[in-house]
Amino acid sequence: MAARIPATVVTGFLGAGKTSLIRHMIENNQGKKLAFLINEFGDLGIDREMLLGCGIEGCGEEDIVELANGCICCTVADDFLPAIEAILDRPDKPDHILIETSGLALPKPLVKAFNWPEVKARVTVDGVVTVVDGKAVAEGRFADDEDAVQSQREADDALDHENPLEEVFEDQLLCADMIVLNKTDLLEEDGAALVESQLINHLRPGVHVVRAANAAVDPRVLLGLDASAEDDLANRPSHHDSHDGEDDHDHDDFDSFTMTLGSIEDVDGLEARLRTAATDHDILRIKGFLDRPSASRREVLQGVGPRIQRYFDRPWTAGEARRTELVIIGRKGLDRAAIEAAVAG
């Protein structure tokens, strides 16, 4: 039997730096032919567009397959399997496959899919890499008040479960073979060590933490883990493992919508309004593209809570409709009308 192609699953919460990590791996691929499967939450295809806009040799359209507006861990049979088979059936097979899950995905159901007969003989999960936003964890973004939660549980039996954000985050940690503690440059002195000490209680034995700024990690550290994760599911516990062995996971905990705006003259004003909206409406993630009329290049906007980053990625192409579009992601019950009004100004 021919050697199986290794695949690395890159997971992590919203805005942790997964796409940045993959982009860094493209830039430092050391001659490997890579293929990418990108899973979006929202309908704009932001992550795929950002990779295609990188201008890096070896990052062509045929190498990047996108599954948009559907969580890969919930649509394995309909979406993931046909996509991975299409990659495997190509005459110029890749040396390694990178799979970026959405920030709301559970990695375990995806890893389990590699046991399907159509896939198992041809590809193996080399490892699950979980990217963690060190700054967010240091701010307690995923930690609830334990006393308050306990009081709520005592008052209402229906609330006898973890906060859904905590569950997603912990499942991503529990499934990992390697943790990339990202954005350590934004932490105070000794902050990275403190976050590591918080994470260690959620990790399986032998899982290492690698610190990074801007998700810059040598691919040699992340590839070649040889974990065969699909054969190790029993050692990767999940909050969503049900008693009958099937996965129980509901993305109705979250909402997303797309905003379309005109050309942006006052980008600082837009950024200030987005920060205010993120705080007032508990927006988890903002990402998209800006049309700056004075610039020939497209500008990317990335937001995690109130923190916003902007950069120009590529020129607008001839005949391309210049546009400003943003995907807004948050907990169930986002007040779309209020957010749109606040952002429009």
C-alpha atoms as a PDB file:
ATOM      1  CA  MET A   1       0.000   0.000   0.000  1.00  0.00           C
ATOM      2  CA  ALA A   2       1.305   3.434  -0.902  1.00  0.00           C
ATOM      3  CA  ALA A   3       2.347   5.677   1.946  1.00  0.00           C
ATOM      4  CA  ARG A   4      -0.522   7.701   3.331  1.00  0.00           C
ATOM      5  CA  ILE A   5      -0.435  11.482   2.918  1.00  0.00           C
ATOM      6  CA  PRO A   6      -0.119  13.258   6.279  1.00  0.00           C
ATOM      7  CA  ALA A   7      -2.692  15.892   7.211  1.00  0.00           C
ATOM      8  CA  THR A   8      -2.457  18.488   9.960  1.00  0.00           C
ATOM      9  CA  VAL A   9      -5.634  19.861  11.518  1.00  0.00           C
ATOM     10  CA  VAL A  10      -5.184  23.489  12.610  1.00  0.00           C
ATOM     11  CA  THR A  11      -7.827  24.460  15.134  1.00  0.00           C
ATOM     12  CA  GLY A  12      -8.275  27.218  17.674  1.00  0.00           C
ATOM     13  CA  PHE A  13     -10.792  29.740  18.847  1.00  0.00           C
ATOM     14  CA  LEU A  14     -11.949  32.747  16.845  1.00  0.00           C
ATOM     15  CA  GLY A  15      -9.100  35.102  15.970  1.00  0.00           C
ATOM     16  CA  ALA A  16      -6.357  33.031  17.583  1.00  0.00           C
ATOM     17  CA  GLY A  17      -4.159  33.235  14.469  1.00  0.00           C
ATOM     18  CA  LYS A  18      -4.879  30.045  12.502  1.00  0.00           C
ATOM     19  CA  THR A  19      -4.756  31.673   9.066  1.00  0.00           C
ATOM     20  CA  SER A  20      -1.595  33.563  10.034  1.00  0.00           C
ATOM     21  CA  LEU A  21      -0.019  30.262  11.068  1.00  0.00           C
ATOM     22  CA  ILE A  22      -0.897  28.622   7.760  1.00  0.00           C
ATOM     23  CA  ARG A  23       0.378  31.621   5.829  1.00  0.00           C
ATOM     24  CA  HIS A  24       3.694  31.386   7.699  1.00  0.00           C
ATOM     25  CA  MET A  25       3.877  27.684   6.845  1.00  0.00           C
ATOM     26  CA  ILE A  26       3.353  28.506   3.160  1.00  0.00           C
ATOM     27  CA  GLU A  27       6.166  31.051   3.269  1.00  0.00           C
ATOM     28  CA  ASN A  28       8.476  28.487   4.866  1.00  0.00           C
ATOM     29  CA  ASN A  29       7.329  25.276   3.166  1.00  0.00           C
ATOM     30  CA  GLN A  30      10.895  24.104   2.444  1.00  0.00           C
ATOM     31  CA  GLY A  31       9.924  22.766  -0.969  1.00  0.00           C
ATOM     32  CA  LYS A  32       6.925  20.742   0.195  1.00  0.00           C
ATOM     33  CA  LYS A  33       3.813  20.805  -1.989  1.00  0.00           C
ATOM     34  CA  LEU A  34       0.984  21.725   0.347  1.00  0.00           C
ATOM     35  CA  ALA A  35      -2.778  21.593  -0.119  1.00  0.00           C
ATOM     36  CA  PHE A  36      -5.225  23.494   2.061  1.00  0.00           C
ATOM     37  CA  LEU A  37      -8.778  22.901   3.181  1.00  0.00           C
ATOM     38  CA  ILE A  38     -10.236  26.050   4.731  1.00  0.00           C
ATOM     39  CA  ASN A  39     -13.462  25.992   6.740  1.00  0.00           C
ATOM     40  CA  GLU A  40     -15.257  29.323   7.229  1.00  0.00           C
ATOM     41  CA  PHE A  41     -17.966  30.479   9.624  1.00  0.00           C
ATOM     42  CA  GLY A  42     -19.759  33.103   7.571  1.00  0.00           C
ATOM     43  CA  ASP A  43     -20.308  33.409   3.842  1.00  0.00           C
ATOM     44  CA  LEU A  44     -17.549  35.694   2.543  1.00  0.00           C
ATOM     45  CA  GLY A  45     -14.632  33.271   2.303  1.00  0.00           C
ATOM     46  CA  ILE A  46     -12.315  35.669   4.142  1.00  0.00           C
ATOM     47  CA  ASP A  47      -9.595  33.185   5.113  1.00  0.00           C
ATOM     48  CA  ARG A  48      -9.233  31.704   1.623  1.00  0.00           C
ATOM     49  CA  GLU A  49      -9.088  35.204   0.139  1.00  0.00           C
ATOM     50  CA  MET A  50      -6.367  36.192   2.591  1.00  0.00           C
ATOM     51  CA  LEU A  51      -4.264  33.193   1.632  1.00  0.00           C
ATOM     52  CA  LEU A  52      -4.786  33.841  -2.084  1.00  0.00           C
ATOM     53  CA  GLY A  53      -3.800  37.460  -1.499  1.00  0.00           C
ATOM     54  CA  CYS A  54      -0.486  36.557   0.061  1.00  0.00           C
ATOM     55  CA  GLY A  55       1.403  36.577  -3.260  1.00  0.00           C
ATOM     56  CA  ILE A  56       3.534  33.620  -2.194  1.00  0.00           C
ATOM     57  CA  GLU A  57       4.791  31.171  -4.794  1.00  0.00           C
ATOM     58  CA  GLY A  58       3.148  27.778  -4.369  1.00  0.00           C
ATOM     59  CA  CYS A  59      -0.091  29.232  -3.037  1.00  0.00           C
ATOM     60  CA  GLY A  60      -2.369  28.816  -6.046  1.00  0.00           C
ATOM     61  CA  GLU A  61      -6.135  28.689  -6.313  1.00  0.00           C
ATOM     62  CA  GLU A  62      -6.090  24.982  -7.116  1.00  0.00           C
ATOM     63  CA  ASP A  63      -4.308  24.284  -3.822  1.00  0.00           C
ATOM     64  CA  ILE A  64      -6.867  25.981  -1.568  1.00  0.00           C
ATOM     65  CA  VAL A  65     -10.273  24.342  -1.150  1.00  0.00           C
ATOM     66  CA  GLU A  66     -12.891  26.244   0.827  1.00  0.00           C
ATOM     67  CA  LEU A  67     -15.915  24.981   2.728  1.00  0.00           C
ATOM     68  CA  ALA A  68     -17.945  28.123   3.451  1.00  0.00           C
ATOM     69  CA  ASN A  69     -20.872  28.765   5.756  1.00  0.00           C
ATOM     70  CA  GLY A  70     -20.977  25.325   7.306  1.00  0.00           C
ATOM     71  CA  CYS A  71     -19.101  23.919  10.277  1.00  0.00           C
ATOM     72  CA  ILE A  72     -16.805  21.160   9.060  1.00  0.00           C
ATOM     73  CA  CYS A  73     -17.389  19.142  12.229  1.00  0.00           C
ATOM     74  CA  CYS A  74     -21.140  19.090  11.572  1.00  0.00           C
ATOM     75  CA  THR A  75     -21.080  18.413   7.813  1.00  0.00           C
ATOM     76  CA  VAL A  76     -18.411  15.736   7.527  1.00  0.00           C
ATOM     77  CA  ALA A  77     -20.246  13.440   5.114  1.00  0.00           C
ATOM     78  CA  ASP A  78     -21.656  16.152   2.871  1.00  0.00           C
ATOM     79  CA  ASP A  79     -18.737  18.578   2.715  1.00  0.00           C
ATOM     80  CA  PHE A  80     -15.474  17.292   4.129  1.00  0.00           C
ATOM     81  CA  LEU A  81     -15.275  13.870   2.519  1.00  0.00           C
ATOM     82  CA  PRO A  82     -15.914  15.063  -1.074  1.00  0.00           C
ATOM     83  CA  ALA A  83     -13.419  17.901  -0.584  1.00  0.00           C
ATOM     84  CA  ILE A  84     -10.639  15.716   0.792  1.00  0.00           C
ATOM     85  CA  GLU A  85     -11.244  13.073  -1.875  1.00  0.00           C
ATOM     86  CA  ALA A  86     -10.941  15.741  -4.576  1.00  0.00           C
ATOM     87  CA  ILE A  87      -7.532  16.683  -3.191  1.00  0.00           C
ATOM     88  CA  LEU A  88      -6.429  13.062  -2.978  1.00  0.00           C
ATOM     89  CA  ASP A  89      -7.581  12.312  -6.536  1.00  0.00           C
ATOM     90  CA  ARG A  90      -5.428  15.004  -8.092  1.00  0.00           C
ATOM     91  CA  PRO A  91      -2.621  13.669 -10.312  1.00  0.00           C
ATOM     92  CA  ASP A  92      -0.117  15.981  -8.581  1.00  0.00           C
ATOM     93  CA  LYS A  93      -0.771  14.807  -5.054  1.00  0.00           C
ATOM     94  CA  PRO A  94       0.381  17.076  -2.204  1.00  0.00           C
ATOM     95  CA  ASP A  95       3.136  16.160   0.222  1.00  0.00           C
ATOM     96  CA  HIS A  96       1.053  17.410   3.133  1.00  0.00           C
ATOM     97  CA  ILE A  97      -2.523  18.639   3.663  1.00  0.00           C
ATOM     98  CA  LEU A  98      -3.346  21.476   6.064  1.00  0.00           C
ATOM     99  CA  ILE A  99      -6.931  21.735   7.292  1.00  0.00           C
ATOM    100  CA  GLU A 100      -8.030  24.933   9.018  1.00  0.00           C
ATOM    101  CA  THR A 101     -11.253  24.530  10.975  1.00  0.00           C
ATOM    102  CA  SER A 102     -13.550  27.432  11.782  1.00  0.00           C
ATOM    103  CA  GLY A 103     -13.049  29.029  15.173  1.00  0.00           C
ATOM    104  CA  LEU A 104     -16.280  27.455  16.395  1.00  0.00           C
ATOM    105  CA  ALA A 105     -15.506  23.904  15.289  1.00  0.00           C
ATOM    106  CA  LEU A 106     -14.786  20.890  17.444  1.00  0.00           C
ATOM    107  CA  PRO A 107     -11.740  19.040  16.102  1.00  0.00           C
ATOM    108  CA  LYS A 108     -12.621  15.533  17.322  1.00  0.00           C
ATOM    109  CA  PRO A 109     -15.493  14.810  14.868  1.00  0.00           C
ATOM    110  CA  LEU A 110     -13.217  15.889  12.023  1.00  0.00           C
ATOM    111  CA  VAL A 111     -10.398  13.614  13.211  1.00  0.00           C
ATOM    112  CA  LYS A 112     -12.919  10.776  13.494  1.00  0.00           C
ATOM    113  CA  ALA A 113     -13.817  11.261   9.809  1.00  0.00           C
ATOM    114  CA  PHE A 114     -10.351  10.081   8.834  1.00  0.00           C
ATOM    115  CA  ASN A 115     -11.482   6.578   9.804  1.00  0.00           C
ATOM    116  CA  TRP A 116     -13.973   6.531   6.928  1.00  0.00           C
ATOM    117  CA  PRO A 117     -12.918   3.809   4.441  1.00  0.00           C
ATOM    118  CA  GLU A 118     -12.728   6.340   1.576  1.00  0.00           C
ATOM    119  CA  VAL A 119     -10.046   8.254   3.455  1.00  0.00           C
ATOM    120  CA  LYS A 120      -8.267   5.974   5.932  1.00  0.00           C
ATOM    121  CA  ALA A 121      -6.192   4.063   3.399  1.00  0.00           C
ATOM    122  CA  ARG A 122      -4.930   7.260   1.753  1.00  0.00           C
ATOM    123  CA  VAL A 123      -4.373   9.886   4.442  1.00  0.00           C
ATOM    124  CA  THR A 124      -3.577  10.054   8.169  1.00  0.00           C
ATOM    125  CA  VAL A 125      -3.839  12.821  10.753  1.00  0.00           C
ATOM    126  CA  ASP A 126      -0.207  13.706  11.418  1.00  0.00           C
ATOM    127  CA  GLY A 127      -1.313  15.940  14.265  1.00  0.00           C
ATOM    128  CA  VAL A 128      -3.827  18.403  15.658  1.00  0.00           C
ATOM    129  CA  VAL A 129      -2.342  21.858  16.244  1.00  0.00           C
ATOM    130  CA  THR A 130      -4.384  24.189  18.436  1.00  0.00           C
ATOM    131  CA  VAL A 131      -3.658  27.908  18.227  1.00  0.00           C
ATOM    132  CA  VAL A 132      -4.409  29.867  21.405  1.00  0.00           C
ATOM    133  CA  ASP A 133      -4.776  33.643  21.680  1.00  0.00           C
ATOM    134  CA  GLY A 134      -2.524  34.228  24.678  1.00  0.00           C
ATOM    135  CA  LYS A 135      -3.689  37.805  25.167  1.00  0.00           C
ATOM    136  CA  ALA A 136      -7.352  36.796  25.240  1.00  0.00           C
ATOM    137  CA  VAL A 137      -6.745  33.999  27.744  1.00  0.00           C
ATOM    138  CA  ALA A 138      -4.731  36.344  29.942  1.00  0.00           C
ATOM    139  CA  GLU A 139      -7.740  38.696  29.948  1.00  0.00           C
ATOM    140  CA  GLY A 140     -10.029  35.875  31.065  1.00  0.00           C
ATOM    141  CA  ARG A 141     -11.982  35.977  27.832  1.00  0.00           C
ATOM    142  CA  PHE A 142     -13.008  32.314  28.151  1.00  0.00           C
ATOM    143  CA  ALA A 143     -13.369  32.079  31.925  1.00  0.00           C
ATOM    144  CA  ASP A 144     -16.684  32.515  33.743  1.00  0.00           C
ATOM    145  CA  ASP A 145     -17.161  33.478  37.402  1.00  0.00           C
ATOM    146  CA  GLU A 146     -17.241  30.032  39.012  1.00  0.00           C
ATOM    147  CA  ASP A 147     -19.302  31.183  41.999  1.00  0.00           C
ATOM    148  CA  ALA A 148     -21.883  32.824  39.739  1.00  0.00           C
ATOM    149  CA  VAL A 149     -22.104  29.739  37.533  1.00  0.00           C
ATOM    150  CA  GLN A 150     -22.586  27.528  40.564  1.00  0.00           C
ATOM    151  CA  SER A 151     -25.368  29.795  41.849  1.00  0.00           C
ATOM    152  CA  GLN A 152     -27.126  29.602  38.478  1.00  0.00           C
ATOM    153  CA  ARG A 153     -26.807  25.824  38.413  1.00  0.00           C
ATOM    154  CA  GLU A 154     -28.366  25.573  41.858  1.00  0.00           C
ATOM    155  CA  ALA A 155     -31.242  27.809  40.779  1.00  0.00           C
ATOM    156  CA  ASP A 156     -31.960  26.076  37.462  1.00  0.00           C
ATOM    157  CA  ASP A 157     -31.151  22.459  36.650  1.00  0.00           C
ATOM    158  CA  ALA A 158     -31.342  23.291  32.930  1.00  0.00           C
ATOM    159  CA  LEU A 159     -28.100  25.269  33.280  1.00  0.00           C
ATOM    160  CA  ASP A 160     -26.086  22.267  34.417  1.00  0.00           C
ATOM    161  CA  HIS A 161     -23.514  22.566  31.623  1.00  0.00           C
ATOM    162  CA  GLU A 162     -20.400  24.476  30.726  1.00  0.00           C
ATOM    163  CA  ASN A 163     -20.471  27.842  29.037  1.00  0.00           C
ATOM    164  CA  PRO A 164     -20.499  26.974  25.296  1.00  0.00           C
ATOM    165  CA  LEU A 165     -17.414  29.087  24.641  1.00  0.00           C
ATOM    166  CA  GLU A 166     -15.548  27.225  27.355  1.00  0.00           C
ATOM    167  CA  GLU A 167     -16.625  23.895  25.888  1.00  0.00           C
ATOM    168  CA  VAL A 168     -15.386  24.743  22.405  1.00  0.00           C
ATOM    169  CA  PHE A 169     -12.105  26.094  23.767  1.00  0.00           C
ATOM    170  CA  GLU A 170     -11.492  23.127  26.057  1.00  0.00           C
ATOM    171  CA  ASP A 171     -12.358  20.597  23.348  1.00  0.00           C
ATOM    172  CA  GLN A 172      -9.787  22.222  21.077  1.00  0.00           C
ATOM    173  CA  LEU A 173      -7.174  21.936  23.835  1.00  0.00           C
ATOM    174  CA  LEU A 174      -8.067  18.337  24.726  1.00  0.00           C
ATOM    175  CA  CYS A 175      -7.713  17.160  21.136  1.00  0.00           C
ATOM    176  CA  ALA A 176      -4.346  18.849  20.534  1.00  0.00           C
ATOM    177  CA  ASP A 177      -0.988  17.224  19.864  1.00  0.00           C
ATOM    178  CA  MET A 178       0.717  20.630  19.939  1.00  0.00           C
ATOM    179  CA  ILE A 179      -0.348  24.025  21.304  1.00  0.00           C
ATOM    180  CA  VAL A 180       0.779  27.270  19.664  1.00  0.00           C
ATOM    181  CA  LEU A 181       0.483  29.969  22.322  1.00  0.00           C
ATOM    182  CA  ASN A 182       0.178  32.938  20.001  1.00  0.00           C
ATOM    183  CA  LYS A 183       0.396  36.727  20.530  1.00  0.00           C
ATOM    184  CA  THR A 184       2.904  36.398  23.345  1.00  0.00           C
ATOM    185  CA  ASP A 185       4.331  39.740  22.230  1.00  0.00           C
ATOM    186  CA  LEU A 186       1.139  41.361  23.566  1.00  0.00           C
ATOM    187  CA  LEU A 187       1.587  39.919  27.062  1.00  0.00           C
ATOM    188  CA  GLU A 188       3.235  41.552  30.050  1.00  0.00           C
ATOM    189  CA  GLU A 189       6.485  40.146  31.418  1.00  0.00           C
ATOM    190  CA  ASP A 190       5.968  36.571  32.662  1.00  0.00           C
ATOM    191  CA  GLY A 191       2.480  36.667  31.102  1.00  0.00           C
ATOM    192  CA  ALA A 192       3.180  33.757  28.753  1.00  0.00           C
ATOM    193  CA  ALA A 193       4.307  31.551  31.643  1.00  0.00           C
ATOM    194  CA  LEU A 194       1.129  32.407  33.534  1.00  0.00           C
ATOM    195  CA  VAL A 195      -1.096  31.520  30.577  1.00  0.00           C
ATOM    196  CA  GLU A 196       0.821  28.267  30.077  1.00  0.00           C
ATOM    197  CA  SER A 197       0.175  27.346  33.696  1.00  0.00           C
ATOM    198  CA  GLN A 198      -3.549  27.918  33.101  1.00  0.00           C
ATOM    199  CA  LEU A 199      -3.574  25.800  29.948  1.00  0.00           C
ATOM    200  CA  ILE A 200      -1.604  22.855  31.293  1.00  0.00           C
ATOM    201  CA  ASN A 201      -4.572  21.586  33.307  1.00  0.00           C
ATOM    202  CA  HIS A 202      -6.547  21.125  30.077  1.00  0.00           C
ATOM    203  CA  LEU A 203      -3.857  19.312  28.086  1.00  0.00           C
ATOM    204  CA  ARG A 204      -3.250  15.618  27.650  1.00  0.00           C
ATOM    205  CA  PRO A 205       0.076  14.242  28.934  1.00  0.00           C
ATOM    206  CA  GLY A 206       2.967  14.897  26.585  1.00  0.00           C
ATOM    207  CA  VAL A 207       1.367  17.807  24.711  1.00  0.00           C
ATOM    208  CA  HIS A 208       3.869  20.655  24.325  1.00  0.00           C
ATOM    209  CA  VAL A 209       3.242  24.389  24.214  1.00  0.00           C
ATOM    210  CA  VAL A 210       5.155  26.482  21.674  1.00  0.00           C
ATOM    211  CA  ARG A 211       5.162  30.249  22.144  1.00  0.00           C
ATOM    212  CA  ALA A 212       4.790  32.538  19.133  1.00  0.00           C
ATOM    213  CA  ALA A 213       4.264  36.108  18.010  1.00  0.00           C
ATOM    214  CA  ASN A 214       2.259  36.606  14.808  1.00  0.00           C
ATOM    215  CA  ALA A 215       1.938  32.791  14.626  1.00  0.00           C
ATOM    216  CA  ALA A 216       5.519  32.498  13.365  1.00  0.00           C
ATOM    217  CA  VAL A 217       6.443  28.888  14.162  1.00  0.00           C
ATOM    218  CA  ASP A 218       8.976  26.813  12.229  1.00  0.00           C
ATOM    219  CA  PRO A 219       6.941  24.240  10.233  1.00  0.00           C
ATOM    220  CA  ARG A 220       9.460  21.581  11.241  1.00  0.00           C
ATOM    221  CA  VAL A 221       8.078  21.869  14.777  1.00  0.00           C
ATOM    222  CA  LEU A 222       4.465  21.368  13.683  1.00  0.00           C
ATOM    223  CA  LEU A 223       4.748  18.885  10.805  1.00  0.00           C
ATOM    224  CA  GLY A 224       5.912  15.307  11.196  1.00  0.00           C
ATOM    225  CA  LEU A 225       4.302  14.711  14.590  1.00  0.00           C
ATOM    226  CA  ASP A 226       3.246  11.254  13.354  1.00  0.00           C
ATOM    227  CA  ALA A 227       0.382  11.198  15.850  1.00  0.00           C
ATOM    228  CA  SER A 228      -2.065   9.067  13.805  1.00  0.00           C
ATOM    229  CA  ALA A 229      -4.725  10.961  15.721  1.00  0.00           C
ATOM    230  CA  GLU A 230      -7.580   9.068  14.058  1.00  0.00           C
ATOM    231  CA  ASP A 231      -6.384   5.933  15.898  1.00  0.00           C
ATOM    232  CA  ASP A 232      -6.161   7.752  19.232  1.00  0.00           C
ATOM    233  CA  LEU A 233      -9.697   9.102  19.654  1.00  0.00           C
ATOM    234  CA  ALA A 234     -10.298   7.446  23.028  1.00  0.00           C
ATOM    235  CA  ASN A 235      -7.510   9.548  24.539  1.00  0.00           C
ATOM    236  CA  ARG A 236      -9.015  12.806  23.248  1.00  0.00           C
ATOM    237  CA  PRO A 237     -12.026  13.483  25.501  1.00  0.00           C
ATOM    238  CA  SER A 238     -14.722  15.959  24.502  1.00  0.00           C
ATOM    239  CA  HIS A 239     -17.527  17.755  26.309  1.00  0.00           C
ATOM    240  CA  HIS A 240     -19.689  16.675  23.397  1.00  0.00           C
ATOM    241  CA  ASP A 241     -19.083  12.930  23.607  1.00  0.00           C
ATOM    242  CA  SER A 242     -22.511  11.452  24.291  1.00  0.00           C
ATOM    243  CA  HIS A 243     -23.188   8.171  26.050  1.00  0.00           C
ATOM    244  CA  ASP A 244     -23.814   6.332  22.795  1.00  0.00           C
ATOM    245  CA  GLY A 245     -20.498   7.413  21.354  1.00  0.00           C
ATOM    246  CA  GLU A 246     -21.934   9.930  18.912  1.00  0.00           C
ATOM    247  CA  ASP A 247     -20.926  13.576  18.977  1.00  0.00           C
ATOM    248  CA  ASP A 248     -23.392  16.118  20.330  1.00  0.00           C
ATOM    249  CA  HIS A 249     -22.590  19.596  19.091  1.00  0.00           C
ATOM    250  CA  ASP A 250     -24.884  22.499  18.286  1.00  0.00           C
ATOM    251  CA  HIS A 251     -23.691  25.658  16.551  1.00  0.00           C
ATOM    252  CA  ASP A 252     -26.951  27.400  17.389  1.00  0.00           C
ATOM    253  CA  ASP A 253     -24.959  28.849  20.300  1.00  0.00           C
ATOM    254  CA  PHE A 254     -23.532  31.383  17.827  1.00  0.00           C
ATOM    255  CA  ASP A 255     -24.738  33.866  15.234  1.00  0.00           C
ATOM    256  CA  SER A 256     -23.009  35.515  12.278  1.00  0.00           C
ATOM    257  CA  PHE A 257     -23.996  38.011   9.623  1.00  0.00           C
ATOM    258  CA  THR A 258     -22.349  40.039   6.867  1.00  0.00           C
ATOM    259  CA  MET A 259     -22.255  43.830   6.691  1.00  0.00           C
ATOM    260  CA  THR A 260     -21.709  45.623   3.382  1.00  0.00           C
ATOM    261  CA  LEU A 261     -20.456  49.199   3.640  1.00  0.00           C
ATOM    262  CA  GLY A 262     -19.377  51.799   1.114  1.00  0.00           C
ATOM    263  CA  SER A 263     -15.864  53.094   0.538  1.00  0.00           C
ATOM    264  CA  ILE A 264     -14.121  53.946   3.796  1.00  0.00           C
ATOM    265  CA  GLU A 265     -12.685  57.466   3.974  1.00  0.00           C
ATOM    266  CA  ASP A 266     -12.357  57.706   7.767  1.00  0.00           C
ATOM    267  CA  VAL A 267     -10.873  54.340   8.693  1.00  0.00           C
ATOM    268  CA  ASP A 268      -9.955  55.464  12.216  1.00  0.00           C
ATOM    269  CA  GLY A 269     -13.584  56.419  12.823  1.00  0.00           C
ATOM    270  CA  LEU A 270     -14.764  53.028  11.536  1.00  0.00           C
ATOM    271  CA  GLU A 271     -12.273  51.268  13.761  1.00  0.00           C
ATOM    272  CA  ALA A 272     -13.452  53.233  16.809  1.00  0.00           C
ATOM    273  CA  ARG A 273     -17.086  52.375  16.075  1.00  0.00           C
ATOM    274  CA  LEU A 274     -16.224  48.694  15.649  1.00  0.00           C
ATOM    275  CA  ARG A 275     -14.428  48.656  19.001  1.00  0.00           C
ATOM    276  CA  THR A 276     -17.423  50.231  20.707  1.00  0.00           C
ATOM    277  CA  ALA A 277     -19.834  47.813  19.031  1.00  0.00           C
ATOM    278  CA  ALA A 278     -17.643  44.835  19.963  1.00  0.00           C
ATOM    279  CA  THR A 279     -17.722  45.870  23.614  1.00  0.00           C
ATOM    280  CA  ASP A 280     -21.376  46.892  23.776  1.00  0.00           C
ATOM    281  CA  HIS A 281     -22.676  43.782  21.969  1.00  0.00           C
ATOM    282  CA  ASP A 282     -20.075  41.200  23.063  1.00  0.00           C
ATOM    283  CA  ILE A 283     -18.949  40.556  19.483  1.00  0.00           C
ATOM    284  CA  LEU A 284     -16.427  37.717  19.435  1.00  0.00           C
ATOM    285  CA  ARG A 285     -14.936  38.201  15.993  1.00  0.00           C
ATOM    286  CA  ILE A 286     -14.898  40.721  13.130  1.00  0.00           C
ATOM    287  CA  LYS A 287     -13.127  40.037   9.835  1.00  0.00           C
ATOM    288  CA  GLY A 288     -13.350  41.291   6.301  1.00  0.00           C
ATOM    289  CA  PHE A 289     -12.018  43.646   3.638  1.00  0.00           C
ATOM    290  CA  LEU A 290     -12.080  47.428   3.303  1.00  0.00           C
ATOM    291  CA  ASP A 291     -12.257  49.542   0.168  1.00  0.00           C
ATOM    292  CA  ARG A 292     -10.067  52.588   0.809  1.00  0.00           C
ATOM    293  CA  PRO A 293     -10.647  54.968  -2.141  1.00  0.00           C
ATOM    294  CA  SER A 294      -7.201  56.519  -1.792  1.00  0.00           C
ATOM    295  CA  ALA A 295      -5.443  53.126  -1.877  1.00  0.00           C
ATOM    296  CA  SER A 296      -4.818  50.785  -4.788  1.00  0.00           C
ATOM    297  CA  ARG A 297      -4.634  47.767  -2.490  1.00  0.00           C
ATOM    298  CA  ARG A 298      -7.309  45.874  -0.590  1.00  0.00           C
ATOM    299  CA  GLU A 299      -7.166  46.276   3.188  1.00  0.00           C
ATOM    300  CA  VAL A 300      -7.820  43.359   5.541  1.00  0.00           C
ATOM    301  CA  LEU A 301      -9.469  44.016   8.900  1.00  0.00           C
ATOM    302  CA  GLN A 302      -9.264  41.471  11.727  1.00  0.00           C
ATOM    303  CA  GLY A 303     -10.899  41.976  15.101  1.00  0.00           C
ATOM    304  CA  VAL A 304     -10.956  39.880  18.283  1.00  0.00           C
ATOM    305  CA  GLY A 305     -13.235  41.502  20.815  1.00  0.00           C
ATOM    306  CA  PRO A 306     -12.167  45.167  20.928  1.00  0.00           C
ATOM    307  CA  ARG A 307      -8.696  44.489  19.461  1.00  0.00           C
ATOM    308  CA  ILE A 308      -8.488  45.337  15.758  1.00  0.00           C
ATOM    309  CA  GLN A 309      -5.658  44.841  13.256  1.00  0.00           C
ATOM    310  CA  ARG A 310      -5.501  46.179   9.688  1.00  0.00           C
ATOM    311  CA  TYR A 311      -3.096  45.594   6.798  1.00  0.00           C
ATOM    312  CA  PHE A 312      -3.052  45.799   2.989  1.00  0.00           C
ATOM    313  CA  ASP A 313      -2.720  42.378   1.362  1.00  0.00           C
ATOM    314  CA  ARG A 314      -2.936  42.740  -2.439  1.00  0.00           C
ATOM    315  CA  PRO A 315      -3.903  45.165  -5.214  1.00  0.00           C
ATOM    316  CA  TRP A 316      -7.501  45.293  -6.387  1.00  0.00           C
ATOM    317  CA  THR A 317      -7.542  43.446  -9.695  1.00  0.00           C
ATOM    318  CA  ALA A 318      -8.824  44.804 -13.008  1.00  0.00           C
ATOM    319  CA  GLY A 319     -12.575  44.356 -13.252  1.00  0.00           C
ATOM    320  CA  GLU A 320     -12.925  43.394  -9.583  1.00  0.00           C
ATOM    321  CA  ALA A 321     -15.732  45.134  -7.707  1.00  0.00           C
ATOM    322  CA  ARG A 322     -14.128  47.093  -4.879  1.00  0.00           C
ATOM    323  CA  ARG A 323     -16.182  46.585  -1.750  1.00  0.00           C
ATOM    324  CA  THR A 324     -16.177  46.823   2.016  1.00  0.00           C
ATOM    325  CA  GLU A 325     -17.634  43.721   3.651  1.00  0.00           C
ATOM    326  CA  LEU A 326     -17.330  42.500   7.217  1.00  0.00           C
ATOM    327  CA  VAL A 327     -18.397  39.258   8.909  1.00  0.00           C
ATOM    328  CA  ILE A 328     -19.640  39.736  12.482  1.00  0.00           C
ATOM    329  CA  ILE A 329     -19.628  36.677  14.781  1.00  0.00           C
ATOM    330  CA  GLY A 330     -20.967  36.446  18.313  1.00  0.00           C
ATOM    331  CA  ARG A 331     -23.151  34.535  20.703  1.00  0.00           C
ATOM    332  CA  LYS A 332     -26.703  33.597  19.808  1.00  0.00           C
ATOM    333  CA  GLY A 333     -28.986  36.618  19.847  1.00  0.00           C
ATOM    334  CA  LEU A 334     -26.741  39.250  18.247  1.00  0.00           C
ATOM    335  CA  ASP A 335     -28.728  42.460  17.740  1.00  0.00           C
ATOM    336  CA  ARG A 336     -27.945  42.876  14.043  1.00  0.00           C
ATOM    337  CA  ALA A 337     -29.904  46.093  13.583  1.00  0.00           C
ATOM    338  CA  ALA A 338     -28.234  47.782  16.548  1.00  0.00           C
ATOM    339  CA  ILE A 339     -24.763  46.660  15.503  1.00  0.00           C
ATOM    340  CA  GLU A 340     -25.244  47.822  11.912  1.00  0.00           C
ATOM    341  CA  ALA A 341     -26.515  51.197  13.130  1.00  0.00           C
ATOM    342  CA  ALA A 342     -23.571  51.577  15.522  1.00  0.00           C
ATOM    343  CA  VAL A 343     -20.983  50.668  12.873  1.00  0.00           C
ATOM    344  CA  ALA A 344     -22.548  52.835  10.165  1.00  0.00           C
ATOM    345  CA  GLY A 345     -22.290  55.838  12.503  1.00  0.00           C
END
